[in-house]
Amino acid sequence: MGAGTRAGVAPPGGDGAPRESRSHRRHYRIPILLAALVAVAVWWGLGLPYSLAAWLLDERLTVPRVVGLLTSFAGVVWVMASRIGPDNEPGAMGLMVVSIASLVAGTLLFKRAEPRVDLLVLNGGQLLVAGLVLAAPVLVWEDPGAVRLTASFLAAQTYLIVGVSWVGMLIWFWLLRHGDATRASAYFFLNPIFGIFLGALLLGESLHVRDFLGGAVVALGIWLVQRG
């Protein structure tokens, strides 16, 4: 065994790269990948509706709206990139991008079709279909027996069902029915900011100066979009 190998300079694979060096590169490569996925997810879910609405719905995309879009986009990426950690798996973030793409498609379809049914009926129908579609994957990949009906679990489910699926989606449909998709979609930039502050309020997560500054930048961008 050569001196270089004993010193850890050349690994058994013979590629001449130290184990420590390759591990060091992987350590930095993963956060860079996650940062890129954050930017893609933010643009796909928050910026894409503007572009598609201007193209498919013939909505006016003025200079203030474009500036506001880019401002809010930068604010969200700035805040979320600082919170990248080992728990942020690329596969999970990729799944999030797919789910956001579905929301964007639904937004455009709603504006193009302009359904005149009651919003309660519309929201109830889409939630029923979503539940039926997701039932099979849940039974295949999850273990229903592992669910524990604790107070915190029931409280979280109540918030997701009532606050997000019922109230949140009804507000979203109302905004789409009474305004442009570009202006309504601007409020999506608040979702990550609200998530950070709810995490601090309910889970005791730490807040940083960047979170407040980023929230202010996002609010400024939304204001520019609404003014445009």
Protein backbone atom coordinates (compact mmCIF):
# COMPACT_ATOMS: atom_id res chain seq x y z
CA MET A 1 0.00 0.00 0.00
CA GLY A 2 1.47 3.35 -1.06
CA ALA A 3 2.12 6.27 1.21
CA GLY A 4 -0.45 8.37 -0.64
CA THR A 5 -3.16 5.80 0.01
CA ARG A 6 -2.22 5.45 3.69
CA ALA A 7 -2.47 9.20 4.07
CA GLY A 8 -5.99 9.16 2.65
CA VAL A 9 -4.97 10.99 -0.52
CA ALA A 10 -6.14 8.32 -2.98
CA PRO A 11 -9.22 6.17 -2.23
CA PRO A 12 -9.50 2.48 -3.15
CA GLY A 13 -11.49 3.46 -6.27
CA GLY A 14 -8.25 4.76 -7.78
CA ASP A 15 -9.68 8.01 -9.14
CA GLY A 16 -7.10 10.05 -7.29
CA ALA A 17 -9.71 12.16 -5.43
CA PRO A 18 -9.60 12.08 -1.62
CA ARG A 19 -12.62 10.76 0.23
CA GLU A 20 -12.73 13.96 2.25
CA SER A 21 -12.69 16.05 -0.92
CA ARG A 22 -15.55 14.13 -2.53
CA SER A 23 -17.58 14.30 0.67
CA HIS A 24 -16.87 18.01 0.91
CA ARG A 25 -18.12 18.53 -2.65
CA ARG A 26 -21.28 16.52 -2.00
CA HIS A 27 -21.88 18.54 1.17
CA TYR A 28 -22.09 21.72 -0.89
CA ARG A 29 -23.65 20.20 -4.01
CA ILE A 30 -26.87 19.19 -2.20
CA PRO A 31 -27.67 22.68 -0.82
CA ILE A 32 -26.99 24.16 -4.27
CA LEU A 33 -29.40 21.67 -5.82
CA LEU A 34 -32.01 22.43 -3.18
CA ALA A 35 -31.55 26.16 -3.69
CA ALA A 36 -32.16 25.67 -7.40
CA LEU A 37 -35.28 23.63 -6.66
CA VAL A 38 -36.53 26.38 -4.34
CA ALA A 39 -36.16 28.92 -7.13
CA VAL A 40 -37.87 26.61 -9.63
CA ALA A 41 -40.73 25.85 -7.23
CA VAL A 42 -41.28 29.51 -6.42
CA TRP A 43 -41.26 30.52 -10.08
CA TRP A 44 -43.40 27.56 -11.19
CA GLY A 45 -46.06 28.20 -8.59
CA LEU A 46 -45.93 31.96 -8.18
CA GLY A 47 -44.46 33.46 -11.32
CA LEU A 48 -45.73 31.07 -13.99
CA PRO A 49 -49.42 32.06 -13.59
CA TYR A 50 -48.50 35.62 -14.60
CA SER A 51 -46.77 34.52 -17.79
CA LEU A 52 -49.45 32.04 -18.78
CA ALA A 53 -52.30 34.40 -17.89
CA ALA A 54 -50.84 37.13 -20.06
CA TRP A 55 -50.43 34.67 -22.93
CA LEU A 56 -53.54 32.46 -22.67
CA LEU A 57 -56.04 34.84 -21.08
CA ASP A 58 -55.02 38.03 -22.87
CA GLU A 59 -54.47 39.82 -19.58
CA ARG A 60 -52.42 43.00 -19.58
CA LEU A 61 -48.87 42.53 -18.22
CA THR A 62 -47.67 46.05 -17.49
CA VAL A 63 -44.22 47.20 -16.37
CA PRO A 64 -45.31 47.71 -12.70
CA ARG A 65 -46.72 44.19 -12.66
CA VAL A 66 -43.52 42.71 -14.05
CA VAL A 67 -41.40 44.67 -11.55
CA GLY A 68 -43.72 43.61 -8.72
CA LEU A 69 -43.54 39.98 -9.83
CA LEU A 70 -39.75 39.97 -9.88
CA THR A 71 -39.58 41.81 -6.55
CA SER A 72 -41.84 39.33 -4.75
CA PHE A 73 -40.08 36.40 -6.43
CA ALA A 74 -36.70 37.64 -5.21
CA GLY A 75 -38.07 38.17 -1.68
CA VAL A 76 -39.45 34.64 -1.42
CA VAL A 77 -36.31 32.99 -2.81
CA TRP A 78 -34.12 35.09 -0.49
CA VAL A 79 -36.09 33.99 2.58
CA MET A 80 -36.58 30.33 1.65
CA ALA A 81 -33.01 29.73 0.45
CA SER A 82 -31.73 30.61 3.93
CA ARG A 83 -33.79 27.77 5.41
CA ILE A 84 -32.45 24.96 3.25
CA GLY A 85 -31.30 22.03 5.35
CA PRO A 86 -30.82 18.24 5.31
CA ASP A 87 -34.57 17.67 5.76
CA ASN A 88 -35.36 19.29 2.39
CA GLU A 89 -35.22 16.30 0.07
CA PRO A 90 -35.09 16.99 -3.69
CA GLY A 91 -37.69 14.29 -4.36
CA ALA A 92 -40.20 15.89 -1.99
CA MET A 93 -39.57 19.31 -3.48
CA GLY A 94 -40.03 17.88 -6.97
CA LEU A 95 -43.41 16.51 -5.87
CA MET A 96 -44.27 19.97 -4.60
CA VAL A 97 -43.48 21.43 -8.03
CA VAL A 98 -45.89 18.92 -9.62
CA SER A 99 -48.66 19.83 -7.16
CA ILE A 100 -48.15 23.53 -7.78
CA ALA A 101 -48.28 22.93 -11.53
CA SER A 102 -51.68 21.31 -11.01
CA LEU A 103 -52.87 24.39 -9.15
CA VAL A 104 -51.65 26.63 -11.99
CA ALA A 105 -53.45 24.47 -14.56
CA GLY A 106 -56.64 24.61 -12.48
CA THR A 107 -56.38 28.40 -12.22
CA LEU A 108 -56.10 28.83 -15.99
CA LEU A 109 -58.87 26.33 -16.66
CA PHE A 110 -61.18 28.13 -14.22
CA LYS A 111 -60.57 31.48 -15.90
CA ARG A 112 -61.01 30.07 -19.42
CA ALA A 113 -64.16 28.06 -18.63
CA GLU A 114 -65.76 30.71 -16.39
CA PRO A 115 -68.10 28.24 -14.64
CA ARG A 116 -71.27 29.86 -13.29
CA VAL A 117 -72.00 27.26 -10.62
CA ASP A 118 -72.00 28.19 -6.97
CA LEU A 119 -68.47 28.37 -5.58
CA LEU A 120 -69.40 26.10 -2.66
CA VAL A 121 -70.52 23.40 -5.10
CA LEU A 122 -67.43 23.92 -7.26
CA ASN A 123 -65.04 23.68 -4.33
CA GLY A 124 -66.82 20.67 -2.86
CA GLY A 125 -66.69 18.87 -6.19
CA GLN A 126 -62.97 19.43 -6.70
CA LEU A 127 -62.17 18.34 -3.15
CA LEU A 128 -64.23 15.15 -3.60
CA VAL A 129 -62.40 14.30 -6.83
CA ALA A 130 -59.01 15.05 -5.22
CA GLY A 131 -59.83 12.77 -2.28
CA LEU A 132 -60.83 9.90 -4.55
CA VAL A 133 -57.73 10.27 -6.72
CA LEU A 134 -55.38 10.33 -3.73
CA ALA A 135 -57.07 7.46 -1.88
CA ALA A 136 -55.29 4.75 -3.89
CA PRO A 137 -51.71 6.12 -3.45
CA VAL A 138 -52.34 6.59 0.26
CA LEU A 139 -53.42 2.97 0.68
CA VAL A 140 -50.47 1.72 -1.38
CA TRP A 141 -47.62 3.76 0.14
CA GLU A 142 -48.88 4.69 3.59
CA ASP A 143 -49.88 2.72 6.66
CA PRO A 144 -53.30 3.88 7.92
CA GLY A 145 -52.75 1.87 11.08
CA ALA A 146 -49.86 4.14 12.03
CA VAL A 147 -52.20 7.14 12.42
CA ARG A 148 -52.66 8.24 16.04
CA LEU A 149 -55.68 10.45 16.69
CA THR A 150 -53.95 12.83 19.07
CA ALA A 151 -55.17 16.33 19.84
CA SER A 152 -52.38 17.91 17.79
CA PHE A 153 -53.12 15.64 14.81
CA LEU A 154 -56.83 16.48 14.89
CA ALA A 155 -56.08 20.19 15.23
CA ALA A 156 -53.72 20.08 12.24
CA GLN A 157 -56.26 18.20 10.13
CA THR A 158 -59.00 20.64 11.08
CA TYR A 159 -56.83 23.56 9.99
CA LEU A 160 -55.94 21.87 6.67
CA ILE A 161 -59.54 20.89 5.92
CA VAL A 162 -61.42 23.97 7.12
CA GLY A 163 -58.82 26.73 6.90
CA VAL A 164 -57.01 25.70 3.72
CA SER A 165 -59.30 23.46 1.67
CA TRP A 166 -62.63 25.15 2.46
CA VAL A 167 -62.02 28.78 3.37
CA GLY A 168 -58.73 29.33 1.52
CA MET A 169 -59.89 27.79 -1.77
CA LEU A 170 -63.23 29.63 -1.63
CA ILE A 171 -61.38 32.92 -1.26
CA TRP A 172 -59.13 31.94 -4.15
CA PHE A 173 -62.05 31.13 -6.46
CA TRP A 174 -63.78 34.37 -5.46
CA LEU A 175 -60.66 36.37 -6.33
CA LEU A 176 -60.41 34.65 -9.70
CA ARG A 177 -64.06 35.24 -10.48
CA HIS A 178 -63.92 38.93 -9.63
CA GLY A 179 -60.50 39.89 -10.97
CA ASP A 180 -57.51 39.08 -13.14
CA ALA A 181 -55.56 35.89 -12.62
CA THR A 182 -52.35 37.92 -12.54
CA ARG A 183 -53.51 40.10 -9.65
CA ALA A 184 -55.05 37.20 -7.75
CA SER A 185 -51.94 35.04 -8.18
CA ALA A 186 -49.80 37.76 -6.61
CA TYR A 187 -51.13 36.77 -3.20
CA PHE A 188 -49.52 33.34 -3.60
CA PHE A 189 -46.23 35.00 -2.69
CA LEU A 190 -47.56 35.37 0.85
CA ASN A 191 -47.88 31.61 1.37
CA PRO A 192 -44.21 30.92 2.21
CA ILE A 193 -44.03 34.03 4.41
CA PHE A 194 -47.15 33.06 6.35
CA GLY A 195 -45.76 29.54 6.67
CA ILE A 196 -42.60 30.84 8.32
CA PHE A 197 -44.48 32.96 10.83
CA LEU A 198 -47.00 30.20 11.59
CA GLY A 199 -44.06 27.86 12.20
CA ALA A 200 -42.69 30.34 14.71
CA LEU A 201 -46.07 30.81 16.38
CA LEU A 202 -47.17 27.17 16.57
CA LEU A 203 -43.90 25.19 16.51
CA GLY A 204 -41.49 27.59 18.18
CA GLU A 205 -39.24 27.90 15.12
CA SER A 206 -36.79 30.76 15.15
CA LEU A 207 -37.29 33.98 13.20
CA HIS A 208 -34.50 36.07 11.71
CA VAL A 209 -34.16 39.61 10.48
CA ARG A 210 -34.05 38.25 6.92
CA ASP A 211 -37.58 36.84 7.36
CA PHE A 212 -39.02 40.25 8.20
CA LEU A 213 -37.08 42.01 5.46
CA GLY A 214 -38.05 39.36 2.93
CA GLY A 215 -41.69 39.66 3.96
CA ALA A 216 -41.52 43.42 3.42
CA VAL A 217 -39.99 42.88 -0.04
CA VAL A 218 -42.79 40.45 -0.93
CA ALA A 219 -45.43 42.91 0.28
CA LEU A 220 -43.87 45.66 -1.84
CA GLY A 221 -43.96 43.42 -4.90
CA ILE A 222 -47.62 42.56 -4.34
CA TRP A 223 -48.44 46.24 -3.95
CA LEU A 224 -46.77 47.00 -7.28
CA VAL A 225 -48.73 44.22 -9.00
CA GLN A 226 -52.05 45.50 -7.64
CA ARG A 227 -51.18 49.08 -8.60
CA GLY A 228 -50.26 48.02 -12.13
